[in-house]
PDB file of all heavy atoms in Angstrom:
ATOM      1  N   SER A   1      34.512 -50.284 -28.101  1.00  0.00           N
ATOM      2  CA  SER A   1      33.344 -50.005 -27.236  1.00  0.00           C
ATOM      3  C   SER A   1      32.781 -48.624 -27.484  1.00  0.00           C
ATOM      4  O   SER A   1      33.534 -47.683 -27.812  1.00  0.00           O
ATOM      5  CB  SER A   1      33.746 -50.141 -25.775  1.00  0.00           C
ATOM      6  OG  SER A   1      34.095 -51.469 -25.488  1.00  0.00           O
ATOM      7  N   ILE A   2      31.461 -48.483 -27.350  1.00  0.00           N
ATOM      8  CA  ILE A   2      30.807 -47.224 -27.554  1.00  0.00           C
ATOM      9  C   ILE A   2      29.749 -46.973 -26.489  1.00  0.00           C
ATOM     10  O   ILE A   2      29.004 -47.906 -26.107  1.00  0.00           O
ATOM     11  CB  ILE A   2      30.109 -47.212 -28.968  1.00  0.00           C
ATOM     12  CG1 ILE A   2      31.169 -47.338 -30.083  1.00  0.00           C
ATOM     13  CG2 ILE A   2      29.267 -45.960 -29.137  1.00  0.00           C
ATOM     14  CD1 ILE A   2      30.571 -47.347 -31.466  1.00  0.00           C
ATOM     15  N   ILE A   3      29.726 -45.738 -25.992  1.00  0.00           N
ATOM     16  CA  ILE A   3      28.666 -45.325 -25.064  1.00  0.00           C
ATOM     17  C   ILE A   3      28.066 -44.023 -25.594  1.00  0.00           C
ATOM     18  O   ILE A   3      28.772 -43.179 -26.183  1.00  0.00           O
ATOM     19  CB  ILE A   3      29.223 -45.137 -23.629  1.00  0.00           C
ATOM     20  CG1 ILE A   3      28.118 -44.857 -22.608  1.00  0.00           C
ATOM     21  CG2 ILE A   3      30.302 -44.036 -23.625  1.00  0.00           C
ATOM     22  CD1 ILE A   3      28.629 -44.886 -21.160  1.00  0.00           C
ATOM     23  N   GLY A   4      26.707 -43.894 -25.474  1.00  0.00           N
ATOM     24  CA  GLY A   4      26.053 -42.723 -25.973  1.00  0.00           C
ATOM     25  C   GLY A   4      25.494 -41.853 -24.852  1.00  0.00           C
ATOM     26  O   GLY A   4      25.898 -41.932 -23.705  1.00  0.00           O
ATOM     27  N   PHE A   5      24.585 -40.968 -25.235  1.00  0.00           N
ATOM     28  CA  PHE A   5      23.943 -40.057 -24.299  1.00  0.00           C
ATOM     29  C   PHE A   5      22.511 -39.742 -24.765  1.00  0.00           C
ATOM     30  O   PHE A   5      22.326 -39.393 -25.938  1.00  0.00           O
ATOM     31  CB  PHE A   5      24.701 -38.735 -24.183  1.00  0.00           C
ATOM     32  CG  PHE A   5      24.476 -37.972 -22.937  1.00  0.00           C
ATOM     33  CD1 PHE A   5      25.499 -37.829 -21.971  1.00  0.00           C
ATOM     34  CD2 PHE A   5      23.283 -37.320 -22.691  1.00  0.00           C
ATOM     35  CE1 PHE A   5      25.260 -37.086 -20.801  1.00  0.00           C
ATOM     36  CE2 PHE A   5      23.034 -36.615 -21.507  1.00  0.00           C
ATOM     37  CZ  PHE A   5      24.025 -36.478 -20.583  1.00  0.00           C
ATOM     38  N   ASP A   6      21.522 -39.839 -23.896  1.00  0.00           N
ATOM     39  CA  ASP A   6      20.153 -39.525 -24.083  1.00  0.00           C
ATOM     40  C   ASP A   6      19.225 -40.690 -23.742  1.00  0.00           C
ATOM     41  O   ASP A   6      18.163 -40.530 -23.165  1.00  0.00           O
ATOM     42  CB  ASP A   6      19.803 -39.061 -25.485  1.00  0.00           C
ATOM     43  CG  ASP A   6      20.363 -37.649 -25.798  1.00  0.00           C
ATOM     44  OD1 ASP A   6      20.473 -36.846 -24.837  1.00  0.00           O
ATOM     45  OD2 ASP A   6      20.661 -37.348 -26.964  1.00  0.00           O
ATOM     46  N   ASP A   7      19.612 -41.910 -24.147  1.00  0.00           N
ATOM     47  CA  ASP A   7      18.772 -43.104 -24.025  1.00  0.00           C
ATOM     48  C   ASP A   7      17.447 -42.938 -24.819  1.00  0.00           C
ATOM     49  O   ASP A   7      16.375 -43.104 -24.314  1.00  0.00           O
ATOM     50  CB  ASP A   7      18.444 -43.404 -22.580  1.00  0.00           C
ATOM     51  CG  ASP A   7      17.867 -44.860 -22.393  1.00  0.00           C
ATOM     52  OD1 ASP A   7      18.198 -45.729 -23.257  1.00  0.00           O
ATOM     53  OD2 ASP A   7      17.076 -45.099 -21.503  1.00  0.00           O
ATOM     54  N   ILE A   8      17.616 -42.608 -26.097  1.00  0.00           N
ATOM     55  CA  ILE A   8      16.437 -42.576 -27.005  1.00  0.00           C
ATOM     56  C   ILE A   8      15.947 -44.038 -27.153  1.00  0.00           C
ATOM     57  O   ILE A   8      16.659 -44.989 -26.865  1.00  0.00           O
ATOM     58  CB  ILE A   8      16.791 -41.978 -28.377  1.00  0.00           C
ATOM     59  CG1 ILE A   8      17.895 -42.827 -29.076  1.00  0.00           C
ATOM     60  CG2 ILE A   8      17.245 -40.550 -28.252  1.00  0.00           C
ATOM     61  CD1 ILE A   8      18.213 -42.340 -30.491  1.00  0.00           C
ATOM     62  N   GLN A   9      14.735 -44.165 -27.654  1.00  0.00           N
ATOM     63  CA  GLN A   9      14.114 -45.493 -27.726  1.00  0.00           C
ATOM     64  C   GLN A   9      14.952 -46.438 -28.573  1.00  0.00           C
ATOM     65  O   GLN A   9      15.027 -47.646 -28.298  1.00  0.00           O
ATOM     66  CB  GLN A   9      12.689 -45.358 -28.271  1.00  0.00           C
ATOM     67  CG  GLN A   9      11.845 -46.600 -28.159  1.00  0.00           C
ATOM     68  CD  GLN A   9      10.392 -46.386 -28.565  1.00  0.00           C
ATOM     69  OE1 GLN A   9      10.083 -45.559 -29.429  1.00  0.00           O
ATOM     70  NE2 GLN A   9       9.495 -47.140 -28.010  1.00  0.00           N
ATOM     71  N   LEU A  10      15.506 -45.936 -29.639  1.00  0.00           N
ATOM     72  CA  LEU A  10      16.288 -46.768 -30.526  1.00  0.00           C
ATOM     73  C   LEU A  10      17.462 -47.445 -29.902  1.00  0.00           C
ATOM     74  O   LEU A  10      17.952 -48.503 -30.341  1.00  0.00           O
ATOM     75  CB  LEU A  10      16.766 -45.945 -31.771  1.00  0.00           C
ATOM     76  CG  LEU A  10      17.371 -46.644 -32.976  1.00  0.00           C
ATOM     77  CD1 LEU A  10      16.346 -47.599 -33.552  1.00  0.00           C
ATOM     78  CD2 LEU A  10      17.774 -45.646 -33.995  1.00  0.00           C
ATOM     79  N   ALA A  11      17.974 -46.854 -28.788  1.00  0.00           N
ATOM     80  CA  ALA A  11      19.189 -47.389 -28.147  1.00  0.00           C
ATOM     81  C   ALA A  11      18.986 -48.803 -27.656  1.00  0.00           C
ATOM     82  O   ALA A  11      19.928 -49.600 -27.585  1.00  0.00           O
ATOM     83  CB  ALA A  11      19.547 -46.478 -26.954  1.00  0.00           C
ATOM     84  N   GLN A  12      17.758 -49.215 -27.327  1.00  0.00           N
ATOM     85  CA  GLN A  12      17.552 -50.554 -26.805  1.00  0.00           C
ATOM     86  C   GLN A  12      17.180 -51.541 -27.904  1.00  0.00           C
ATOM     87  O   GLN A  12      17.080 -52.739 -27.669  1.00  0.00           O
ATOM     88  CB  GLN A  12      16.452 -50.551 -25.766  1.00  0.00           C
ATOM     89  CG  GLN A  12      15.105 -50.010 -26.227  1.00  0.00           C
ATOM     90  CD  GLN A  12      14.106 -49.902 -25.115  1.00  0.00           C
ATOM     91  OE1 GLN A  12      13.896 -50.867 -24.339  1.00  0.00           O
ATOM     92  NE2 GLN A  12      13.436 -48.744 -24.962  1.00  0.00           N
ATOM     93  N   TYR A  13      17.000 -51.028 -29.149  1.00  0.00           N
ATOM     94  CA  TYR A  13      16.637 -51.908 -30.247  1.00  0.00           C
ATOM     95  C   TYR A  13      17.804 -52.225 -31.158  1.00  0.00           C
ATOM     96  O   TYR A  13      17.704 -53.231 -31.938  1.00  0.00           O
ATOM     97  CB  TYR A  13      15.493 -51.240 -31.044  1.00  0.00           C
ATOM     98  CG  TYR A  13      14.220 -51.092 -30.281  1.00  0.00           C
ATOM     99  CD1 TYR A  13      13.446 -49.915 -30.384  1.00  0.00           C
ATOM    100  CD2 TYR A  13      13.774 -52.105 -29.441  1.00  0.00           C
ATOM    101  CE1 TYR A  13      12.269 -49.800 -29.635  1.00  0.00           C
ATOM    102  CE2 TYR A  13      12.608 -51.963 -28.681  1.00  0.00           C
ATOM    103  CZ  TYR A  13      11.865 -50.805 -28.836  1.00  0.00           C
ATOM    104  OH  TYR A  13      10.695 -50.652 -28.106  1.00  0.00           O
ATOM    105  N   VAL A  14      18.812 -51.390 -31.221  1.00  0.00           N
ATOM    106  CA  VAL A  14      19.954 -51.673 -32.108  1.00  0.00           C
ATOM    107  C   VAL A  14      20.711 -52.869 -31.527  1.00  0.00           C
ATOM    108  O   VAL A  14      20.534 -53.248 -30.377  1.00  0.00           O
ATOM    109  CB  VAL A  14      20.887 -50.467 -32.233  1.00  0.00           C
ATOM    110  CG1 VAL A  14      20.211 -49.309 -32.929  1.00  0.00           C
ATOM    111  CG2 VAL A  14      21.378 -50.014 -30.834  1.00  0.00           C
ATOM    112  N   ARG A  15      21.515 -53.455 -32.375  1.00  0.00           N
ATOM    113  CA  ARG A  15      22.389 -54.592 -31.954  1.00  0.00           C
ATOM    114  C   ARG A  15      23.862 -54.276 -32.240  1.00  0.00           C
ATOM    115  O   ARG A  15      24.176 -53.959 -33.359  1.00  0.00           O
ATOM    116  CB  ARG A  15      21.964 -55.844 -32.708  1.00  0.00           C
ATOM    117  CG  ARG A  15      20.584 -56.354 -32.338  1.00  0.00           C
ATOM    118  CD  ARG A  15      20.531 -56.791 -30.871  1.00  0.00           C
ATOM    119  NE  ARG A  15      19.236 -57.320 -30.464  1.00  0.00           N
ATOM    120  CZ  ARG A  15      18.252 -56.587 -29.974  1.00  0.00           C
ATOM    121  NH1 ARG A  15      18.457 -55.301 -29.803  1.00  0.00           N
ATOM    122  NH2 ARG A  15      17.133 -57.134 -29.637  1.00  0.00           N
ATOM    123  N   PRO A  16      24.703 -54.318 -31.208  1.00  0.00           N
ATOM    124  CA  PRO A  16      24.358 -54.584 -29.831  1.00  0.00           C
ATOM    125  C   PRO A  16      23.577 -53.426 -29.215  1.00  0.00           C
ATOM    126  O   PRO A  16      23.647 -52.265 -29.667  1.00  0.00           O
ATOM    127  CB  PRO A  16      25.703 -54.715 -29.132  1.00  0.00           C
ATOM    128  CG  PRO A  16      26.635 -53.852 -29.960  1.00  0.00           C
ATOM    129  CD  PRO A  16      26.123 -54.030 -31.387  1.00  0.00           C
ATOM    130  N   LYS A  17      22.810 -53.691 -28.146  1.00  0.00           N
ATOM    131  CA  LYS A  17      22.048 -52.656 -27.444  1.00  0.00           C
ATOM    132  C   LYS A  17      23.052 -51.651 -26.865  1.00  0.00           C
ATOM    133  O   LYS A  17      24.075 -52.029 -26.336  1.00  0.00           O
ATOM    134  CB  LYS A  17      21.191 -53.279 -26.361  1.00  0.00           C
ATOM    135  CG  LYS A  17      20.108 -54.220 -26.882  1.00  0.00           C
ATOM    136  CD  LYS A  17      19.313 -54.819 -25.729  1.00  0.00           C
ATOM    137  CE  LYS A  17      18.251 -55.782 -26.265  1.00  0.00           C
ATOM    138  NZ  LYS A  17      17.511 -56.425 -25.150  1.00  0.00           N
ATOM    139  N   LEU A  18      22.680 -50.390 -26.984  1.00  0.00           N
ATOM    140  CA  LEU A  18      23.587 -49.312 -26.653  1.00  0.00           C
ATOM    141  C   LEU A  18      23.620 -48.983 -25.163  1.00  0.00           C
ATOM    142  O   LEU A  18      22.571 -48.663 -24.571  1.00  0.00           O
ATOM    143  CB  LEU A  18      23.225 -48.083 -27.447  1.00  0.00           C
ATOM    144  CG  LEU A  18      24.158 -46.868 -27.289  1.00  0.00           C
ATOM    145  CD1 LEU A  18      25.535 -47.139 -27.909  1.00  0.00           C
ATOM    146  CD2 LEU A  18      23.522 -45.623 -27.992  1.00  0.00           C
ATOM    147  N   THR A  19      24.825 -49.023 -24.597  1.00  0.00           N
ATOM    148  CA  THR A  19      25.027 -48.474 -23.288  1.00  0.00           C
ATOM    149  C   THR A  19      25.007 -46.976 -23.367  1.00  0.00           C
ATOM    150  O   THR A  19      25.620 -46.381 -24.284  1.00  0.00           O
ATOM    151  CB  THR A  19      26.348 -48.964 -22.674  1.00  0.00           C
ATOM    152  OG1 THR A  19      26.274 -50.368 -22.464  1.00  0.00           O
ATOM    153  CG2 THR A  19      26.673 -48.273 -21.368  1.00  0.00           C
ATOM    154  N   THR A  20      24.310 -46.272 -22.471  1.00  0.00           N
ATOM    155  CA  THR A  20      24.162 -44.852 -22.623  1.00  0.00           C
ATOM    156  C   THR A  20      23.856 -44.168 -21.311  1.00  0.00           C
ATOM    157  O   THR A  20      23.718 -44.778 -20.277  1.00  0.00           O
ATOM    158  CB  THR A  20      23.008 -44.568 -23.645  1.00  0.00           C
ATOM    159  OG1 THR A  20      22.922 -43.161 -23.914  1.00  0.00           O
ATOM    160  CG2 THR A  20      21.704 -45.051 -23.088  1.00  0.00           C
ATOM    161  N   ILE A  21      23.869 -42.821 -21.377  1.00  0.00           N
ATOM    162  CA  ILE A  21      23.427 -41.992 -20.215  1.00  0.00           C
ATOM    163  C   ILE A  21      22.012 -41.561 -20.440  1.00  0.00           C
ATOM    164  O   ILE A  21      21.682 -40.944 -21.437  1.00  0.00           O
ATOM    165  CB  ILE A  21      24.349 -40.774 -20.052  1.00  0.00           C
ATOM    166  CG1 ILE A  21      25.809 -41.196 -19.889  1.00  0.00           C
ATOM    167  CG2 ILE A  21      23.886 -39.913 -18.901  1.00  0.00           C
ATOM    168  CD1 ILE A  21      26.096 -42.060 -18.663  1.00  0.00           C
ATOM    169  N   LYS A  22      21.155 -41.892 -19.517  1.00  0.00           N
ATOM    170  CA  LYS A  22      19.718 -41.640 -19.663  1.00  0.00           C
ATOM    171  C   LYS A  22      19.308 -40.307 -19.097  1.00  0.00           C
ATOM    172  O   LYS A  22      19.696 -39.945 -17.970  1.00  0.00           O
ATOM    173  CB  LYS A  22      18.931 -42.758 -18.936  1.00  0.00           C
ATOM    174  CG  LYS A  22      17.388 -42.573 -18.988  1.00  0.00           C
ATOM    175  CD  LYS A  22      16.710 -43.657 -18.216  1.00  0.00           C
ATOM    176  CE  LYS A  22      15.214 -43.540 -18.235  1.00  0.00           C
ATOM    177  NZ  LYS A  22      14.639 -43.733 -19.626  1.00  0.00           N
ATOM    178  N   GLN A  23      18.564 -39.527 -19.865  1.00  0.00           N
ATOM    179  CA  GLN A  23      17.824 -38.425 -19.379  1.00  0.00           C
ATOM    180  C   GLN A  23      16.327 -38.783 -19.434  1.00  0.00           C
ATOM    181  O   GLN A  23      15.860 -39.229 -20.457  1.00  0.00           O
ATOM    182  CB  GLN A  23      18.150 -37.110 -20.060  1.00  0.00           C
ATOM    183  CG  GLN A  23      17.948 -37.145 -21.582  1.00  0.00           C
ATOM    184  CD  GLN A  23      18.010 -35.760 -22.198  1.00  0.00           C
ATOM    185  OE1 GLN A  23      17.283 -34.867 -21.734  1.00  0.00           O
ATOM    186  NE2 GLN A  23      18.876 -35.566 -23.149  1.00  0.00           N
ATOM    187  N   ASP A  24      15.636 -38.624 -18.376  1.00  0.00           N
ATOM    188  CA  ASP A  24      14.240 -39.018 -18.298  1.00  0.00           C
ATOM    189  C   ASP A  24      13.330 -37.998 -18.954  1.00  0.00           C
ATOM    190  O   ASP A  24      13.061 -36.944 -18.387  1.00  0.00           O
ATOM    191  CB  ASP A  24      13.839 -39.245 -16.837  1.00  0.00           C
ATOM    192  CG  ASP A  24      12.508 -39.979 -16.701  1.00  0.00           C
ATOM    193  OD1 ASP A  24      11.621 -39.685 -17.478  1.00  0.00           O
ATOM    194  OD2 ASP A  24      12.403 -40.843 -15.805  1.00  0.00           O
ATOM    195  N   MET A  25      12.896 -38.323 -20.166  1.00  0.00           N
ATOM    196  CA  MET A  25      12.074 -37.332 -20.912  1.00  0.00           C
ATOM    197  C   MET A  25      10.732 -37.092 -20.271  1.00  0.00           C
ATOM    198  O   MET A  25      10.233 -35.963 -20.256  1.00  0.00           O
ATOM    199  CB  MET A  25      11.779 -37.886 -22.362  1.00  0.00           C
ATOM    200  CG  MET A  25      13.063 -38.114 -23.174  1.00  0.00           C
ATOM    201  SD  MET A  25      13.868 -36.523 -23.585  1.00  0.00           S
ATOM    202  CE  MET A  25      15.098 -37.117 -24.737  1.00  0.00           C
ATOM    203  N   ASN A  26      10.129 -38.123 -19.667  1.00  0.00           N
ATOM    204  CA  ASN A  26       8.864 -37.932 -19.016  1.00  0.00           C
ATOM    205  C   ASN A  26       8.943 -36.987 -17.820  1.00  0.00           C
ATOM    206  O   ASN A  26       8.105 -36.104 -17.620  1.00  0.00           O
ATOM    207  CB  ASN A  26       8.285 -39.269 -18.547  1.00  0.00           C
ATOM    208  CG  ASN A  26       7.854 -40.119 -19.727  1.00  0.00           C
ATOM    209  OD1 ASN A  26       7.398 -39.637 -20.743  1.00  0.00           O
ATOM    210  ND2 ASN A  26       7.973 -41.451 -19.592  1.00  0.00           N
ATOM    211  N   LYS A  27      10.054 -37.127 -17.027  1.00  0.00           N
ATOM    212  CA  LYS A  27      10.237 -36.232 -15.851  1.00  0.00           C
ATOM    213  C   LYS A  27      10.465 -34.810 -16.349  1.00  0.00           C
ATOM    214  O   LYS A  27      10.002 -33.849 -15.739  1.00  0.00           O
ATOM    215  CB  LYS A  27      11.386 -36.719 -15.038  1.00  0.00           C
ATOM    216  CG  LYS A  27      11.050 -37.934 -14.172  1.00  0.00           C
ATOM    217  CD  LYS A  27      12.177 -38.293 -13.214  1.00  0.00           C
ATOM    218  CE  LYS A  27      11.812 -39.509 -12.309  1.00  0.00           C
ATOM    219  NZ  LYS A  27      12.923 -39.874 -11.471  1.00  0.00           N
ATOM    220  N   ARG A  28      11.197 -34.648 -17.457  1.00  0.00           N
ATOM    221  CA  ARG A  28      11.489 -33.334 -17.958  1.00  0.00           C
ATOM    222  C   ARG A  28      10.181 -32.668 -18.422  1.00  0.00           C
ATOM    223  O   ARG A  28       9.920 -31.476 -18.162  1.00  0.00           O
ATOM    224  CB  ARG A  28      12.464 -33.355 -19.121  1.00  0.00           C
ATOM    225  CG  ARG A  28      13.842 -33.824 -18.740  1.00  0.00           C
ATOM    226  CD  ARG A  28      14.818 -33.613 -19.884  1.00  0.00           C
ATOM    227  NE  ARG A  28      15.213 -32.242 -19.983  1.00  0.00           N
ATOM    228  CZ  ARG A  28      16.087 -31.744 -20.887  1.00  0.00           C
ATOM    229  NH1 ARG A  28      16.535 -32.558 -21.807  1.00  0.00           N
ATOM    230  NH2 ARG A  28      16.413 -30.490 -20.886  1.00  0.00           N
ATOM    231  N   ALA A  29       9.321 -33.461 -19.102  1.00  0.00           N
ATOM    232  CA  ALA A  29       8.055 -32.926 -19.559  1.00  0.00           C
ATOM    233  C   ALA A  29       7.154 -32.567 -18.414  1.00  0.00           C
ATOM    234  O   ALA A  29       6.539 -31.462 -18.387  1.00  0.00           O
ATOM    235  CB  ALA A  29       7.417 -33.933 -20.500  1.00  0.00           C
ATOM    236  N   GLU A  30       7.107 -33.449 -17.396  1.00  0.00           N
ATOM    237  CA  GLU A  30       6.264 -33.152 -16.228  1.00  0.00           C
ATOM    238  C   GLU A  30       6.707 -31.881 -15.501  1.00  0.00           C
ATOM    239  O   GLU A  30       5.869 -31.052 -15.127  1.00  0.00           O
ATOM    240  CB  GLU A  30       6.299 -34.352 -15.270  1.00  0.00           C
ATOM    241  CG  GLU A  30       5.593 -35.595 -15.795  1.00  0.00           C
ATOM    242  CD  GLU A  30       5.861 -36.817 -14.975  1.00  0.00           C
ATOM    243  OE1 GLU A  30       6.633 -36.672 -13.915  1.00  0.00           O
ATOM    244  OE2 GLU A  30       5.398 -37.898 -15.318  1.00  0.00           O
ATOM    245  N   LYS A  31       8.006 -31.721 -15.309  1.00  0.00           N
ATOM    246  CA  LYS A  31       8.516 -30.549 -14.659  1.00  0.00           C
ATOM    247  C   LYS A  31       8.261 -29.272 -15.488  1.00  0.00           C
ATOM    248  O   LYS A  31       7.926 -28.214 -14.986  1.00  0.00           O
ATOM    249  CB  LYS A  31      10.006 -30.700 -14.374  1.00  0.00           C
ATOM    250  CG  LYS A  31      10.682 -29.524 -13.712  1.00  0.00           C
ATOM    251  CD  LYS A  31      10.003 -29.081 -12.408  1.00  0.00           C
ATOM    252  CE  LYS A  31      10.232 -30.092 -11.344  1.00  0.00           C
ATOM    253  NZ  LYS A  31       9.652 -29.595 -10.025  1.00  0.00           N
ATOM    254  N   ALA A  32       8.437 -29.399 -16.821  1.00  0.00           N
ATOM    255  CA  ALA A  32       8.199 -28.249 -17.668  1.00  0.00           C
ATOM    256  C   ALA A  32       6.784 -27.783 -17.602  1.00  0.00           C
ATOM    257  O   ALA A  32       6.516 -26.584 -17.520  1.00  0.00           O
ATOM    258  CB  ALA A  32       8.531 -28.642 -19.140  1.00  0.00           C
ATOM    259  N   ILE A  33       5.828 -28.723 -17.651  1.00  0.00           N
ATOM    260  CA  ILE A  33       4.411 -28.348 -17.590  1.00  0.00           C
ATOM    261  C   ILE A  33       4.055 -27.766 -16.192  1.00  0.00           C
ATOM    262  O   ILE A  33       3.267 -26.801 -16.072  1.00  0.00           O
ATOM    263  CB  ILE A  33       3.494 -29.531 -17.954  1.00  0.00           C
ATOM    264  CG1 ILE A  33       3.860 -30.100 -19.303  1.00  0.00           C
ATOM    265  CG2 ILE A  33       2.030 -29.088 -17.923  1.00  0.00           C
ATOM    266  CD1 ILE A  33       3.955 -29.060 -20.401  1.00  0.00           C
ATOM    267  N   GLU A  34       4.645 -28.369 -15.137  1.00  0.00           N
ATOM    268  CA  GLU A  34       4.425 -27.877 -13.796  1.00  0.00           C
ATOM    269  C   GLU A  34       4.863 -26.377 -13.663  1.00  0.00           C
ATOM    270  O   GLU A  34       4.162 -25.547 -13.120  1.00  0.00           O
ATOM    271  CB  GLU A  34       5.202 -28.743 -12.796  1.00  0.00           C
ATOM    272  CG  GLU A  34       5.111 -28.253 -11.372  1.00  0.00           C
ATOM    273  CD  GLU A  34       6.072 -29.042 -10.488  1.00  0.00           C
ATOM    274  OE1 GLU A  34       6.261 -30.240 -10.694  1.00  0.00           O
ATOM    275  OE2 GLU A  34       6.633 -28.438  -9.542  1.00  0.00           O
ATOM    276  N   LEU A  35       6.033 -26.117 -14.194  1.00  0.00           N
ATOM    277  CA  LEU A  35       6.565 -24.750 -14.150  1.00  0.00           C
ATOM    278  C   LEU A  35       5.738 -23.781 -15.023  1.00  0.00           C
ATOM    279  O   LEU A  35       5.535 -22.652 -14.658  1.00  0.00           O
ATOM    280  CB  LEU A  35       8.045 -24.712 -14.538  1.00  0.00           C
ATOM    281  CG  LEU A  35       9.003 -25.388 -13.622  1.00  0.00           C
ATOM    282  CD1 LEU A  35      10.444 -25.350 -14.156  1.00  0.00           C
ATOM    283  CD2 LEU A  35       8.973 -24.751 -12.244  1.00  0.00           C
ATOM    284  N   LEU A  36       5.363 -24.271 -16.184  1.00  0.00           N
ATOM    285  CA  LEU A  36       4.600 -23.437 -17.101  1.00  0.00           C
ATOM    286  C   LEU A  36       3.262 -23.019 -16.516  1.00  0.00           C
ATOM    287  O   LEU A  36       2.805 -21.928 -16.617  1.00  0.00           O
ATOM    288  CB  LEU A  36       4.374 -24.153 -18.478  1.00  0.00           C
ATOM    289  CG  LEU A  36       3.734 -23.311 -19.566  1.00  0.00           C
ATOM    290  CD1 LEU A  36       4.498 -22.046 -19.872  1.00  0.00           C
ATOM    291  CD2 LEU A  36       3.476 -24.112 -20.828  1.00  0.00           C
ATOM    292  N   GLU A  37       2.582 -23.996 -15.834  1.00  0.00           N
ATOM    293  CA  GLU A  37       1.320 -23.706 -15.190  1.00  0.00           C
ATOM    294  C   GLU A  37       1.509 -22.666 -14.080  1.00  0.00           C
ATOM    295  O   GLU A  37       0.653 -21.832 -13.879  1.00  0.00           O
ATOM    296  CB  GLU A  37       0.728 -24.988 -14.654  1.00  0.00           C
ATOM    297  CG  GLU A  37       0.116 -25.912 -15.698  1.00  0.00           C
ATOM    298  CD  GLU A  37      -0.866 -26.922 -15.136  1.00  0.00           C
ATOM    299  OE1 GLU A  37      -0.428 -27.636 -14.226  1.00  0.00           O
ATOM    300  OE2 GLU A  37      -2.020 -26.988 -15.544  1.00  0.00           O
ATOM    301  N   ALA A  38       2.618 -22.789 -13.364  1.00  0.00           N
ATOM    302  CA  ALA A  38       2.907 -21.759 -12.343  1.00  0.00           C
ATOM    303  C   ALA A  38       3.121 -20.409 -12.964  1.00  0.00           C
ATOM    304  O   ALA A  38       2.639 -19.394 -12.424  1.00  0.00           O
ATOM    305  CB  ALA A  38       4.157 -22.189 -11.553  1.00  0.00           C
ATOM    306  N   LEU A  39       3.792 -20.321 -14.098  1.00  0.00           N
ATOM    307  CA  LEU A  39       4.019 -19.075 -14.791  1.00  0.00           C
ATOM    308  C   LEU A  39       2.689 -18.508 -15.271  1.00  0.00           C
ATOM    309  O   LEU A  39       2.434 -17.304 -15.172  1.00  0.00           O
ATOM    310  CB  LEU A  39       4.973 -19.272 -15.950  1.00  0.00           C
ATOM    311  CG  LEU A  39       6.411 -19.540 -15.612  1.00  0.00           C
ATOM    312  CD1 LEU A  39       7.184 -19.961 -16.859  1.00  0.00           C
ATOM    313  CD2 LEU A  39       7.055 -18.295 -15.046  1.00  0.00           C
TER     314      LEU A  39
END
């Protein structure tokens, strides 16, 4: 058995599909731009 980390797009396309730990890239980008605008 194998488990990964990140949940990149490829993780759902490989066979078998990869169980993983997801970090939400969109939320990270949104928060980054929010903070940058404040700065």
